[in-house]
Protein backbone atom coordinates (compact mmCIF):
# COMPACT_ATOMS: atom_id res chain seq x y z
CA MET A 1 24.24 28.31 -1.44
CA ALA A 2 21.50 26.43 -3.28
CA LEU A 3 19.79 23.62 -1.41
CA PRO A 4 19.93 20.12 -2.97
CA LEU A 5 16.20 20.02 -3.82
CA GLU A 6 15.59 23.72 -4.37
CA ASN A 7 12.67 24.38 -6.74
CA ARG A 8 11.67 20.69 -6.76
CA ILE A 9 7.95 19.95 -6.31
CA ALA A 10 7.30 17.00 -3.99
CA LEU A 11 4.03 15.27 -3.07
CA VAL A 12 3.98 13.24 0.16
CA THR A 13 0.96 11.14 1.11
CA GLY A 14 0.25 10.33 4.74
CA ALA A 15 2.26 13.42 5.59
CA SER A 16 0.74 14.33 8.95
CA ARG A 17 2.61 11.87 11.18
CA GLY A 18 5.25 9.17 11.38
CA ILE A 19 7.31 8.49 8.28
CA GLY A 20 5.34 10.87 6.08
CA ARG A 21 5.80 13.80 8.43
CA ALA A 22 9.53 13.13 8.84
CA VAL A 23 10.00 12.84 5.07
CA ALA A 24 8.02 16.01 4.38
CA LEU A 25 10.20 17.94 6.80
CA GLU A 26 13.41 16.50 5.34
CA LEU A 27 12.28 17.37 1.81
CA ALA A 28 11.55 20.92 2.94
CA ARG A 29 14.87 21.11 4.76
CA GLN A 30 16.57 20.27 1.47
CA GLY A 31 14.65 22.99 -0.37
CA ALA A 32 11.66 21.23 -1.96
CA HIS A 33 8.18 22.70 -2.06
CA VAL A 34 6.12 20.04 -0.29
CA ILE A 35 2.56 19.17 -1.25
CA ALA A 36 1.47 17.49 1.98
CA MET A 37 -1.53 15.17 1.82
CA ALA A 38 -3.25 13.66 4.86
CA ARG A 39 -6.72 13.31 6.32
CA THR A 40 -6.22 15.52 9.38
CA GLN A 41 -6.35 19.26 8.78
CA GLY A 42 -4.98 20.18 12.20
CA ALA A 43 -1.94 17.92 11.88
CA LEU A 44 -1.25 19.31 8.42
CA GLU A 45 -1.36 22.84 9.79
CA GLU A 46 1.16 21.89 12.48
CA LEU A 47 3.41 20.45 9.77
CA ASP A 48 3.02 23.65 7.77
CA ASP A 49 4.18 25.67 10.78
CA GLU A 50 7.30 23.52 11.06
CA ILE A 51 8.04 23.81 7.34
CA ARG A 52 7.65 27.60 7.51
CA ALA A 53 10.03 27.65 10.47
CA LEU A 54 12.58 26.09 8.13
CA GLY A 55 12.10 29.01 5.75
CA GLN A 56 10.20 26.91 3.21
CA GLU A 57 6.62 26.72 1.97
CA ALA A 58 4.11 23.90 1.67
CA THR A 59 0.79 23.27 -0.02
CA LEU A 60 -1.67 21.43 2.22
CA VAL A 61 -4.08 18.86 0.80
CA PRO A 62 -6.52 17.56 3.42
CA CYS A 63 -7.79 14.46 1.65
CA ASP A 64 -8.67 10.85 2.31
CA ILE A 65 -6.40 8.71 0.12
CA LYS A 66 -9.46 6.59 -0.72
CA ASP A 67 -11.14 9.56 -2.41
CA PHE A 68 -9.95 8.56 -5.85
CA ASP A 69 -11.77 11.37 -7.64
CA ALA A 70 -9.91 13.81 -5.39
CA LEU A 71 -6.61 12.27 -6.52
CA ASP A 72 -7.58 12.99 -10.11
CA ARG A 73 -8.42 16.57 -9.16
CA LEU A 74 -5.08 16.88 -7.38
CA GLY A 75 -3.24 15.81 -10.53
CA ALA A 76 -5.12 18.45 -12.51
CA ALA A 77 -4.35 21.11 -9.88
CA ILE A 78 -0.63 20.27 -9.89
CA PHE A 79 -0.61 20.52 -13.69
CA GLU A 80 -2.41 23.85 -13.58
CA ARG A 81 0.05 25.35 -11.11
CA TRP A 82 3.41 23.74 -11.91
CA LYS A 83 2.98 21.68 -15.11
CA ARG A 84 5.09 18.93 -13.55
CA LEU A 85 5.78 16.87 -10.43
CA ASP A 86 9.38 16.12 -9.51
CA ILE A 87 8.89 13.82 -6.52
CA LEU A 88 6.18 11.43 -5.35
CA VAL A 89 6.55 9.81 -1.94
CA ALA A 90 3.68 7.31 -1.70
CA ASN A 91 3.69 6.71 2.02
CA ALA A 92 0.05 6.49 3.16
CA GLY A 93 -0.90 3.02 4.35
CA ILE A 94 -2.78 1.07 6.98
CA LEU A 95 -2.03 -2.04 8.99
CA GLY A 96 -5.42 -3.63 8.54
CA PRO A 97 -6.86 -6.42 10.66
CA ILE A 98 -4.63 -8.65 12.77
CA THR A 99 -6.59 -11.89 12.66
CA PRO A 100 -6.62 -15.26 10.85
CA VAL A 101 -7.42 -15.08 7.13
CA GLY A 102 -10.75 -16.84 7.59
CA HIS A 103 -11.86 -14.28 10.18
CA ILE A 104 -11.32 -11.13 8.12
CA ASP A 105 -14.52 -9.29 7.33
CA PRO A 106 -14.75 -8.41 3.61
CA PRO A 107 -14.95 -4.64 4.29
CA GLN A 108 -11.69 -4.84 6.28
CA TRP A 109 -9.98 -6.64 3.41
CA ASP A 110 -11.34 -4.20 0.86
CA LEU A 111 -10.15 -1.23 2.94
CA SER A 112 -6.61 -2.59 3.15
CA MET A 113 -6.48 -3.10 -0.60
CA ALA A 114 -8.01 0.32 -1.30
CA VAL A 115 -5.49 2.22 0.83
CA ASN A 116 -2.34 0.16 0.30
CA VAL A 117 -2.76 -0.81 -3.36
CA THR A 118 -5.55 0.86 -5.32
CA ALA A 119 -4.77 4.36 -4.03
CA ASN A 120 -1.21 3.98 -5.28
CA TYR A 121 -2.42 2.84 -8.69
CA ARG A 122 -4.69 5.89 -8.79
CA LEU A 123 -1.78 8.13 -7.82
CA ILE A 124 0.28 6.75 -10.69
CA ARG A 125 -2.68 7.17 -13.03
CA ALA A 126 -3.16 10.81 -11.96
CA LEU A 127 0.52 11.78 -11.76
CA ASP A 128 2.37 9.74 -14.39
CA MET A 129 2.45 12.44 -17.04
CA LEU A 130 3.45 15.03 -14.45
CA LEU A 131 6.41 12.90 -13.34
CA ARG A 132 7.37 12.37 -16.97
CA ALA A 133 7.23 16.15 -17.49
CA SER A 134 9.95 16.60 -14.86
CA ASP A 135 13.59 16.58 -15.91
CA ALA A 136 14.15 13.96 -13.18
CA GLY A 137 10.89 12.50 -11.86
CA ARG A 138 11.33 10.35 -8.77
CA ALA A 139 8.69 8.06 -7.24
CA VAL A 140 9.32 6.25 -3.95
CA PHE A 141 6.76 3.77 -2.61
CA VAL A 142 6.89 2.95 1.11
CA SER A 143 6.35 -0.79 1.42
CA SER A 144 7.35 -3.37 4.01
CA GLY A 145 9.25 -6.60 4.44
CA ALA A 146 5.90 -8.18 5.32
CA GLY A 147 5.09 -9.05 1.71
CA ASN A 148 8.41 -10.52 0.60
CA LYS A 149 9.88 -12.28 3.64
CA ALA A 150 10.62 -15.99 3.26
CA ASP A 151 8.63 -16.68 6.43
CA LEU A 152 5.47 -14.60 6.55
CA SER A 153 4.04 -13.60 9.91
CA PRO A 154 0.65 -15.11 10.75
CA TYR A 155 -2.51 -13.03 11.23
CA ARG A 156 -1.41 -10.12 9.05
CA SER A 157 -2.48 -11.41 5.66
CA ALA A 158 -4.26 -8.24 4.47
CA TYR A 159 -1.17 -6.15 5.17
CA ALA A 160 1.27 -8.67 3.68
CA VAL A 161 -0.80 -9.27 0.54
CA SER A 162 -1.38 -5.56 -0.05
CA LYS A 163 2.31 -4.74 0.35
CA ALA A 164 3.32 -7.57 -1.98
CA ALA A 165 0.87 -6.15 -4.52
CA LEU A 166 2.31 -2.66 -4.00
CA ASP A 167 5.80 -4.01 -4.69
CA ALA A 168 4.58 -5.56 -7.95
CA LEU A 169 2.79 -2.33 -8.92
CA ALA A 170 5.89 -0.21 -8.33
CA ARG A 171 8.17 -2.67 -10.14
CA THR A 172 5.85 -2.72 -13.14
CA TYR A 173 5.78 1.08 -13.23
CA ALA A 174 9.58 1.09 -13.03
CA ALA A 175 9.77 -1.30 -16.00
CA GLU A 176 7.37 0.87 -18.00
CA THR A 177 9.43 4.02 -17.41
CA ALA A 178 12.91 2.47 -17.55
CA THR A 179 13.71 3.32 -21.16
CA THR A 180 11.15 5.94 -22.08
CA SER A 181 11.56 8.75 -19.56
CA GLN A 182 13.65 10.34 -16.83
CA VAL A 183 11.44 8.76 -14.14
CA LYS A 184 13.10 6.53 -11.52
CA VAL A 185 10.95 4.35 -9.28
CA MET A 186 12.04 2.81 -5.98
CA VAL A 187 10.43 0.72 -3.27
CA THR A 188 11.61 1.04 0.30
CA ASN A 189 11.29 -1.13 3.39
CA PRO A 190 11.66 1.08 6.47
CA GLY A 191 11.72 -1.89 8.83
CA PRO A 192 10.54 -1.51 12.41
CA LEU A 193 10.45 2.17 13.35
CA ARG A 194 9.09 4.05 16.34
CA THR A 195 5.59 4.65 14.94
CA LYS A 196 1.98 4.07 15.97
CA MET A 197 1.67 1.30 13.41
CA ARG A 198 4.64 -0.56 14.87
CA ALA A 199 3.19 -0.18 18.37
CA ALA A 200 0.00 -1.84 17.15
CA VAL A 201 1.97 -4.74 15.67
CA ALA A 202 4.22 -5.27 18.69
CA PRO A 203 2.53 -3.73 21.74
CA GLY A 204 5.02 -5.23 24.19
CA GLU A 205 8.07 -3.90 22.39
CA ASP A 206 10.18 -1.15 23.96
CA PRO A 207 9.90 1.70 21.41
CA MET A 208 13.19 3.17 22.61
CA THR A 209 14.98 0.20 21.03
CA LEU A 210 13.76 1.23 17.57
CA LYS A 211 15.07 3.76 15.12
CA THR A 212 12.87 6.78 14.43
CA PRO A 213 11.21 8.05 11.25
CA GLU A 214 13.55 11.04 11.46
CA GLU A 215 16.54 8.70 11.15
CA PHE A 216 15.00 6.98 8.14
CA ALA A 217 13.87 10.13 6.31
CA PRO A 218 17.25 11.27 4.89
CA HIS A 219 17.75 7.82 3.33
CA LEU A 220 14.38 8.01 1.57
CA VAL A 221 14.93 11.61 0.48
CA ALA A 222 18.25 10.61 -1.09
CA MET A 223 16.19 8.57 -3.57
CA CYS A 224 14.29 11.75 -4.52
CA SER A 225 17.38 13.53 -5.81
CA PRO A 226 17.88 14.18 -9.53
CA ASP A 227 21.24 12.43 -9.06
CA TRP A 228 19.53 9.14 -8.09
CA MET A 229 19.84 6.67 -10.99
CA GLU A 230 18.62 3.30 -9.61
CA THR A 231 15.13 2.17 -10.56
CA GLY A 232 12.93 -0.85 -9.97
CA LYS A 233 14.83 -1.85 -6.84
CA LEU A 234 14.27 -2.14 -3.11
CA TYR A 235 16.03 0.01 -0.55
CA ASP A 236 16.10 -1.90 2.73
CA PHE A 237 16.67 0.47 5.63
CA PRO A 238 17.45 -2.15 8.32
CA SER A 239 20.44 -3.36 6.28
CA GLU A 240 20.98 -0.03 4.49
CA SER A 241 21.23 -1.94 1.21
CA ILE A 242 19.80 -1.71 -2.29
CA ARG A 243 18.83 -4.94 -3.95
CA SER A 244 16.89 -6.30 -6.87
CA PHE A 245 13.64 -8.13 -6.34
CA ARG A 246 14.13 -11.83 -6.94
CA ALA A 247 11.65 -14.61 -7.52
CA PRO A 248 11.72 -17.38 -4.90
CA ALA A 249 14.06 -20.25 -5.80
């Protein structure tokens, strides 16, 4: 019996741990060939072992997401080998400084924007034509409720601003592809999950009260299917709902 994503080519950024790792494994479990990108070679090799244990194959890309020239080279390499990209899961991100706005050092701010926003623009720039070359290109951007909540949390401005910008970037890309291609673009809010980033945000929280990346992964991977038809919307995992982005009243 054919697997749901058999012969699909999927790129996952930040694939070595947390959400990215869980999504990479779920994509492989459903038959996709995973291009796994992360900074840590050893963690990628461990992921590769797990994917091979599922009877699937992966391509490992040890790369810093801030190496924008490397993202261009990756796009060229994907074109050379497959001529298309079916799935992009843009997951890599950082929390950034937890401090008042006036106390953020400029390099910390710039780093948050580079990883959480500019890298995703560069991914789109490098991969847009490859996604359009697919019969059903799917791009899912892992965001957060931090940038669109009515009441923003204090001391996390770099994270909130960068995620709000990511939402706008993804929505714009969805609008640009809505009527001209088979590409569908979604944003997802995983909510609080049992990850290292969440532990840094809420160090006193009992992690056993939180859902895991493995529980979230099948919901994200559902948006990678050729059958998925929604675009330009937000999938909110805590409420398990899909909704349109709305301007504040």
